[in-house]
Structure formats: structure tokens, C-alpha cells
Amino acid sequence: MRVPHPALTGGVAGGAEAPRSYGQALADALLTRGAIPGGAVRVLEIGAGLGYLARDVIARLREAGREVRYTLVELSPALAAAQRARLAGAGVSWVVGDVLAVALDGPFDVILANEMAGDLPARQLTRADVGLTADGGTTDRDRLRTVSPTAADLGIAIDDAPEPFYLQTGAIEMVTRIAGWLAPGGTAVITEFGAVNAWPRLSTQLDHPELSTHFGILLQAARAAGLTAGVEFVIDLLGFDRTLQGLATTRSHFRALRALADSAGIDLAKIGYTPELLGEAFGDKLDVAQVGELRWEKIEDRLMGLVPHEFKALICTRP
């Protein structure tokens, strides 16, 4: 949804029917909630991908009269180069390095970590590794400390862990670092796919290994670190229009569709297609109705290879 999307209409600057990109919708949500102070706003984004989110958040906040100072923390030099090209002239500063190790000049009014928590380090453990028995017991904090000193010090409850289980040590550590970087009254938004009460599972829908996120664990970490925190569905946070249909694909299906489009002279970008958007992409070169094996589902249940209602947002504020 890096392009203006029919599922994201309305917003502060767009009018009731104006499609918005994901970044515009996120900025609008924060503005509507009063999470963006007036005047100068310091924003930190962690793991900024290709820079589309930063581009649209910056533009939206400036449209709303804010003076935006935007900092990106990016582990990949290649992605940082792509971000610099996309954000040239936007007044952005970069810190290239690991978010779990970098030193930052805070505080920040807004911190965004969009769909990157599942890529942070994690440990696969047995219950016995942390002093739990097969059918119960209480976590041994000293054993847990050898795996994650932060989780042990925060008193994170993991007694209900399955056998075996993943502990997202990196995501827990990131939450505590965010707590230290937030200004009083500041807001952080951490999005990823996962659930509040489900332990992480290894994803099979992406082109690289990634864990789903146990938002209940991150919620514990945020509150133990002194933040006020809650978890929301991203589709609710951004105000998805749930009545729309979206294209449901697999990786192999989209490769085939892309090859078909290429044969007709169409460069088919990987975005969340509705029938309207796919028709616009095909133009007069292909007829959507004549392309076989297209499956459309409710946009909240399936969009391309993703399940939108599985994406959650941990929203934290510093009192």
C-alpha cells in the first residue's frame, strides 16, 4: 500500500473519498489521535525499507503544518542508499547500523518501527532451558538471564511457553531502547504480523525466514519499561475499508501473473491489488476478466500473499 489505495480513503488532508498510501494513513491516524505535537516534531524510523513510509509520513506531517526532523536507522547499506535516493532533499538524517547497538541523539516525539520486529534476533528454546517442566513450573530468572538479560530484568512472564518456543530477544530489547528514546508525551508505533496471545511461529509466506510476533510479550516489555501501551489491529488503526475485494496470490502465482503482464509490455509492481487497481495497471493491454486463475477475497482476510487482519500495532506513549 505504498501507493494511494482504495482501502485507505479519507484522512486529515485528503477529503472523504481520497485514496491514501499506507504512510499517509498512518500519519493521519497519529494526527487524529493528537499524538503529533505542534511545531517542530522529531521522528525516528527504525528499519525503513525502501523509504516509502518515510516519504509519505514526512509529506503528510508537513502538510499539517509541522516542522519535521526525521532520522532513519537502517542496518542495510543497500537499503540506506535506496532511501537516500527516494528521500533526497527531504531533510532526513541517517544512522546506518544495528538498532540494538546504535547510539542515538534523542529524544524523539514519534518512533516508528514498521514490519521489522520479526526480523530481529530470536532464540529457539526448550522449556527446560528456562527452568520450566513439561507440564508447568515457574521460570528460573537466572536461566532466563543467560538467554535475555532484558527479559529477565523486566520480569517478562513466559511460563505458558510451548515446547519448544521462540523468544524474541531482539524485539524485547528494541522496546526498551524505544522507551529510552521517547520524549515525555511521545508515541511509538511498532507494527508486525502476529497475535497478542500466540507464541511466534516461523513464517512460510515470505521469501525469507521471519517470525510472527507475540505482542503480549512486547506489551509486557513496554509496560515494564515505563510506557503506557496497548495493541490494536492495523486495519483498525488505519481505517481499512473492509468491503473491498483484494487479489489473493502465492509467490509462484504472482510470478506467473507478472510474467503474463510482461509479455504484454506491462511492468506489474507488487502492490495490494483490488480489481480497480489491477485494471488500471493492465490498461488496454490486458483484460482482467480474461485472465484466468485470479482469486479475489475480502481485503481484511487476504491481500496478495498476506493476511491483513494478522497485522497488529503496539502503540506506546511515554507519560
Protein backbone atom coordinates (compact mmCIF):
# COMPACT_ATOMS: atom_id res chain seq x y z
CA MET A 1 0.00 0.00 0.00
CA ARG A 2 2.83 2.35 -0.79
CA VAL A 3 0.53 3.83 -3.47
CA PRO A 4 -2.75 5.66 -2.79
CA HIS A 5 -5.09 2.76 -2.15
CA PRO A 6 -8.89 2.42 -2.38
CA ALA A 7 -8.96 0.66 1.01
CA LEU A 8 -7.48 3.74 2.69
CA THR A 9 -9.78 6.65 1.94
CA GLY A 10 -10.26 9.94 3.72
CA GLY A 11 -7.88 11.47 6.24
CA VAL A 12 -6.81 14.86 7.53
CA ALA A 13 -5.64 16.31 4.23
CA GLY A 14 -7.30 14.06 1.69
CA GLY A 15 -11.04 14.58 1.91
CA ALA A 16 -13.66 11.92 2.45
CA GLU A 17 -13.01 9.88 -0.69
CA ALA A 18 -9.32 10.47 -1.41
CA PRO A 19 -7.26 7.25 -1.52
CA ARG A 20 -4.21 7.37 0.72
CA SER A 21 -0.99 5.42 0.91
CA TYR A 22 -0.09 3.43 4.00
CA GLY A 23 2.28 6.18 5.16
CA GLN A 24 -0.30 8.91 4.69
CA ALA A 25 -2.92 6.89 6.58
CA LEU A 26 -0.53 6.22 9.46
CA ALA A 27 0.37 9.91 9.74
CA ASP A 28 -3.32 10.81 9.65
CA ALA A 29 -4.09 8.31 12.42
CA LEU A 30 -1.43 9.82 14.66
CA LEU A 31 -2.58 13.36 13.91
CA THR A 32 -6.19 12.46 14.64
CA ARG A 33 -5.19 10.96 17.99
CA GLY A 34 -3.28 14.07 18.98
CA ALA A 35 -0.04 12.09 19.05
CA ILE A 36 1.86 14.66 16.97
CA PRO A 37 2.85 17.83 18.83
CA GLY A 38 2.65 21.21 17.14
CA GLY A 39 5.68 22.98 15.74
CA ALA A 40 8.91 21.02 15.40
CA VAL A 41 8.50 17.23 15.51
CA ARG A 42 11.37 14.78 15.86
CA VAL A 43 10.60 11.44 14.20
CA LEU A 44 12.67 8.26 14.33
CA GLU A 45 12.01 5.37 11.96
CA ILE A 46 13.69 2.02 12.54
CA GLY A 47 14.27 -0.25 9.56
CA ALA A 48 12.87 1.95 6.80
CA GLY A 49 12.81 -0.45 3.84
CA LEU A 50 12.82 1.42 0.55
CA GLY A 51 11.77 4.72 2.15
CA TYR A 52 8.15 4.93 1.02
CA LEU A 53 6.78 5.18 4.55
CA ALA A 54 9.21 7.96 5.44
CA ARG A 55 8.43 9.85 2.24
CA ASP A 56 4.70 9.91 2.88
CA VAL A 57 4.82 10.49 6.65
CA ILE A 58 7.13 13.46 6.17
CA ALA A 59 4.94 14.96 3.45
CA ARG A 60 1.72 14.44 5.43
CA LEU A 61 3.09 15.98 8.61
CA ARG A 62 4.40 18.98 6.70
CA GLU A 63 1.00 19.40 5.05
CA ALA A 64 -0.38 19.54 8.60
CA GLY A 65 1.95 22.42 9.45
CA ARG A 66 4.68 20.53 11.31
CA GLU A 67 8.39 21.16 11.03
CA VAL A 68 9.67 17.60 10.65
CA ARG A 69 13.11 16.39 11.66
CA TYR A 70 13.34 12.77 10.51
CA THR A 71 16.01 10.24 11.45
CA LEU A 72 16.32 6.76 9.91
CA VAL A 73 18.14 3.83 11.50
CA GLU A 74 18.94 1.27 8.81
CA LEU A 75 21.02 -1.90 9.11
CA SER A 76 21.42 -2.47 5.36
CA PRO A 77 23.75 -0.10 3.45
CA ALA A 78 21.96 -1.07 0.21
CA LEU A 79 18.56 -0.09 1.62
CA ALA A 80 20.04 3.10 3.07
CA ALA A 81 21.26 4.00 -0.43
CA ALA A 82 17.78 3.42 -1.87
CA GLN A 83 16.27 5.54 0.90
CA ARG A 84 18.71 8.37 0.21
CA ALA A 85 17.73 8.38 -3.45
CA ARG A 86 13.99 8.38 -2.66
CA LEU A 87 14.24 10.98 0.10
CA ALA A 88 16.74 13.34 -1.49
CA GLY A 89 16.03 16.89 -0.40
CA ALA A 90 13.62 15.83 2.36
CA GLY A 91 15.95 16.85 5.19
CA VAL A 92 16.42 13.30 6.51
CA SER A 93 19.42 12.10 8.52
CA TRP A 94 20.66 8.50 8.63
CA VAL A 95 22.26 6.24 11.19
CA VAL A 96 23.45 3.09 9.43
CA GLY A 97 23.76 0.26 11.93
CA ASP A 98 22.01 -2.20 14.22
CA VAL A 99 19.16 -0.63 16.19
CA LEU A 100 20.16 -2.83 19.14
CA ALA A 101 23.63 -1.28 19.22
CA VAL A 102 23.50 2.28 17.81
CA ALA A 103 23.70 5.43 19.91
CA LEU A 104 21.03 7.99 19.03
CA ASP A 105 20.68 11.66 19.82
CA GLY A 106 17.14 11.75 21.19
CA PRO A 107 14.60 12.31 22.47
CA PHE A 108 12.03 11.70 19.73
CA ASP A 109 8.37 12.71 19.66
CA VAL A 110 7.40 9.84 17.35
CA ILE A 111 9.12 6.48 16.79
CA LEU A 112 8.03 4.12 14.00
CA ALA A 113 9.12 0.50 13.58
CA ASN A 114 7.07 -0.80 10.69
CA GLU A 115 7.08 -4.54 10.00
CA MET A 116 10.64 -5.19 11.11
CA ALA A 117 10.35 -6.68 14.63
CA GLY A 118 10.05 -10.18 13.16
CA ASP A 119 13.47 -9.81 11.54
CA LEU A 120 15.28 -9.09 14.81
CA PRO A 121 17.27 -11.79 16.63
CA ALA A 122 15.36 -14.52 18.44
CA ARG A 123 16.26 -17.71 20.29
CA GLN A 124 14.60 -21.09 19.94
CA LEU A 125 14.42 -22.61 23.41
CA THR A 126 13.02 -25.56 25.29
CA ARG A 127 11.04 -25.12 28.47
CA ALA A 128 13.86 -26.76 30.38
CA ASP A 129 16.26 -24.05 29.14
CA VAL A 130 14.43 -21.55 31.38
CA GLY A 131 13.68 -23.90 34.26
CA LEU A 132 10.18 -24.97 33.24
CA THR A 133 8.94 -28.54 33.32
CA ALA A 134 6.91 -30.20 30.58
CA ASP A 135 3.63 -29.59 32.39
CA GLY A 136 4.22 -26.47 34.48
CA GLY A 137 6.65 -24.75 36.79
CA THR A 138 7.89 -21.20 37.18
CA THR A 139 10.54 -19.57 35.03
CA ASP A 140 14.01 -19.57 36.55
CA ARG A 141 15.05 -15.92 36.20
CA ASP A 142 18.75 -16.74 36.40
CA ARG A 143 18.47 -19.20 33.50
CA LEU A 144 16.38 -16.72 31.53
CA ARG A 145 19.04 -14.07 32.14
CA THR A 146 21.62 -16.19 30.27
CA VAL A 147 19.34 -16.00 27.21
CA SER A 148 17.91 -12.50 27.56
CA PRO A 149 19.08 -10.29 30.43
CA THR A 150 16.47 -7.72 29.41
CA ALA A 151 13.56 -10.17 29.57
CA ALA A 152 14.73 -11.38 32.98
CA ASP A 153 15.20 -7.89 34.38
CA LEU A 154 11.78 -6.75 33.14
CA GLY A 155 10.08 -9.74 34.72
CA ILE A 156 8.60 -10.95 31.42
CA ALA A 157 6.17 -13.83 32.10
CA ILE A 158 6.84 -16.85 29.84
CA ASP A 159 5.52 -19.70 31.99
CA ASP A 160 2.95 -20.62 29.30
CA ALA A 161 5.60 -21.14 26.59
CA PRO A 162 5.06 -24.20 24.35
CA GLU A 163 7.66 -26.88 23.67
CA PRO A 164 9.85 -25.69 22.02
CA PHE A 165 9.36 -21.91 21.70
CA TYR A 166 10.89 -18.79 20.18
CA LEU A 167 11.80 -15.89 22.45
CA GLN A 168 12.11 -12.62 20.51
CA THR A 169 15.11 -11.32 22.38
CA GLY A 170 15.82 -8.60 19.83
CA ALA A 171 12.28 -7.24 19.77
CA ILE A 172 12.16 -7.13 23.58
CA GLU A 173 15.45 -5.24 23.64
CA MET A 174 14.23 -2.83 20.94
CA VAL A 175 11.14 -1.96 23.00
CA THR A 176 13.33 -0.99 25.97
CA ARG A 177 15.56 1.12 23.74
CA ILE A 178 12.50 2.85 22.30
CA ALA A 179 11.36 3.60 25.87
CA GLY A 180 14.66 5.37 26.45
CA TRP A 181 14.46 7.38 23.24
CA LEU A 182 10.87 8.63 23.56
CA ALA A 183 10.28 12.17 24.75
CA PRO A 184 7.70 12.77 27.50
CA GLY A 185 4.33 12.59 25.76
CA GLY A 186 5.93 10.86 22.78
CA THR A 187 4.35 7.98 20.86
CA ALA A 188 5.88 4.84 19.35
CA VAL A 189 4.17 2.51 16.87
CA ILE A 190 5.55 -0.98 16.29
CA THR A 191 3.73 -2.99 13.61
CA GLU A 192 4.18 -6.61 12.60
CA PHE A 193 2.12 -9.72 11.95
CA GLY A 194 1.27 -11.80 14.96
CA ALA A 195 -1.12 -12.05 17.90
CA VAL A 196 -1.44 -10.94 21.50
CA ASN A 197 -1.56 -14.43 22.99
CA ALA A 198 0.15 -16.65 20.39
CA TRP A 199 3.82 -17.60 20.58
CA PRO A 200 5.94 -16.82 17.50
CA ARG A 201 5.84 -19.14 14.54
CA LEU A 202 8.15 -19.23 11.55
CA SER A 203 6.52 -17.65 8.52
CA THR A 204 6.06 -19.68 5.35
CA GLN A 205 4.56 -16.88 3.23
CA LEU A 206 7.65 -14.69 2.75
CA ASP A 207 10.81 -15.01 0.69
CA HIS A 208 12.99 -15.02 3.83
CA PRO A 209 12.69 -16.53 7.31
CA GLU A 210 10.68 -14.35 9.66
CA LEU A 211 8.87 -14.90 12.93
CA SER A 212 5.37 -13.82 13.77
CA THR A 213 5.31 -11.57 16.83
CA HIS A 214 4.00 -12.32 20.30
CA PHE A 215 2.52 -8.92 21.04
CA GLY A 216 1.64 -9.94 24.59
CA ILE A 217 5.35 -10.28 25.35
CA LEU A 218 6.15 -6.89 23.78
CA LEU A 219 3.24 -5.34 25.67
CA GLN A 220 4.73 -6.64 28.93
CA ALA A 221 8.13 -5.23 27.96
CA ALA A 222 6.72 -1.80 27.12
CA ARG A 223 4.79 -1.50 30.37
CA ALA A 224 7.70 -2.79 32.45
CA ALA A 225 9.90 -0.17 30.75
CA GLY A 226 7.58 2.60 31.99
CA LEU A 227 5.40 3.13 28.92
CA THR A 228 1.64 3.23 28.58
CA ALA A 229 0.88 0.67 25.89
CA GLY A 230 -1.87 -1.17 24.03
CA VAL A 231 -2.28 -3.37 20.96
CA GLU A 232 -4.59 -2.65 18.01
CA PHE A 233 -5.32 -4.19 14.64
CA VAL A 234 -3.51 -2.27 11.90
CA ILE A 235 -6.66 -2.39 9.76
CA ASP A 236 -8.50 -0.56 12.56
CA LEU A 237 -5.68 1.90 13.20
CA LEU A 238 -5.58 2.92 9.54
CA GLY A 239 -9.32 2.68 8.90
CA PHE A 240 -9.40 -0.02 6.22
CA ASP A 241 -12.47 -0.19 4.01
CA ARG A 242 -13.30 -3.85 4.68
CA THR A 243 -15.96 -4.03 1.96
CA LEU A 244 -13.39 -4.21 -0.84
CA GLN A 245 -12.04 -7.29 -2.59
CA GLY A 246 -8.30 -7.89 -2.88
CA LEU A 247 -6.19 -10.13 -5.09
CA ALA A 248 -5.10 -13.30 -3.27
CA THR A 249 -1.86 -14.83 -4.56
CA THR A 250 1.08 -17.01 -3.65
CA ARG A 251 4.68 -16.16 -4.57
CA SER A 252 4.59 -18.55 -7.53
CA HIS A 253 1.18 -17.29 -8.67
CA PHE A 254 2.34 -13.68 -8.67
CA ARG A 255 5.50 -14.60 -10.60
CA ALA A 256 3.29 -16.19 -13.26
CA LEU A 257 0.97 -13.17 -13.33
CA ARG A 258 3.95 -10.86 -13.59
CA ALA A 259 5.35 -12.89 -16.49
CA LEU A 260 2.00 -12.70 -18.29
CA ALA A 261 1.92 -8.93 -17.79
CA ASP A 262 5.50 -8.60 -19.01
CA SER A 263 4.60 -10.45 -22.21
CA ALA A 264 2.01 -7.71 -22.81
CA GLY A 265 4.51 -4.93 -22.11
CA ILE A 266 3.36 -4.26 -18.53
CA ASP A 267 5.73 -3.91 -15.57
CA LEU A 268 3.46 -5.22 -12.80
CA ALA A 269 4.52 -3.75 -9.46
CA LYS A 270 3.94 -5.77 -6.29
CA ILE A 271 1.21 -3.81 -4.53
CA GLY A 272 -2.08 -4.78 -2.90
CA TYR A 273 -4.30 -5.08 -5.96
CA THR A 274 -8.03 -4.53 -5.95
CA PRO A 275 -9.90 -5.19 -9.24
CA GLU A 276 -9.76 -1.44 -9.86
CA LEU A 277 -6.01 -1.17 -9.32
CA LEU A 278 -5.25 -4.24 -11.42
CA GLY A 279 -7.42 -2.88 -14.22
CA GLU A 280 -5.50 0.41 -14.10
CA ALA A 281 -2.19 -1.47 -14.22
CA PHE A 282 -3.32 -3.56 -17.22
CA GLY A 283 -4.73 -0.54 -19.08
CA ASP A 284 -5.74 -1.51 -22.60
CA LYS A 285 -3.06 -4.20 -22.88
CA LEU A 286 -4.80 -6.93 -20.87
CA ASP A 287 -8.39 -7.54 -19.80
CA VAL A 288 -8.72 -8.52 -16.14
CA ALA A 289 -11.84 -10.53 -16.96
CA GLN A 290 -9.90 -12.63 -19.46
CA VAL A 291 -7.04 -13.58 -17.13
CA GLY A 292 -7.64 -16.97 -15.59
CA GLU A 293 -6.84 -18.11 -12.04
CA LEU A 294 -7.43 -14.73 -10.39
CA ARG A 295 -8.90 -15.13 -6.91
CA TRP A 296 -10.45 -12.21 -5.07
CA GLU A 297 -11.11 -12.28 -1.33
CA LYS A 298 -12.23 -9.85 1.38
CA ILE A 299 -9.35 -7.44 1.75
CA GLU A 300 -9.11 -7.92 5.51
CA ASP A 301 -8.73 -11.70 5.08
CA ARG A 302 -6.28 -11.92 2.20
CA LEU A 303 -4.36 -9.43 0.08
CA MET A 304 -1.69 -10.77 -2.24
CA GLY A 305 0.18 -13.28 -0.03
CA LEU A 306 -0.64 -11.59 3.28
CA VAL A 307 -3.45 -11.75 5.82
CA PRO A 308 -4.14 -8.11 6.80
CA HIS A 309 -6.07 -8.90 9.98
CA GLU A 310 -3.00 -10.69 11.35
CA PHE A 311 -1.08 -7.41 11.47
CA LYS A 312 -1.08 -5.66 14.83
CA ALA A 313 0.28 -2.37 16.17
CA LEU A 314 1.84 -1.94 19.59
CA ILE A 315 1.17 1.70 20.40
CA CYS A 316 3.21 3.11 23.27
CA THR A 317 3.37 6.51 24.90
CA ARG A 318 5.72 7.95 27.47
CA PRO A 319 3.81 9.67 30.28
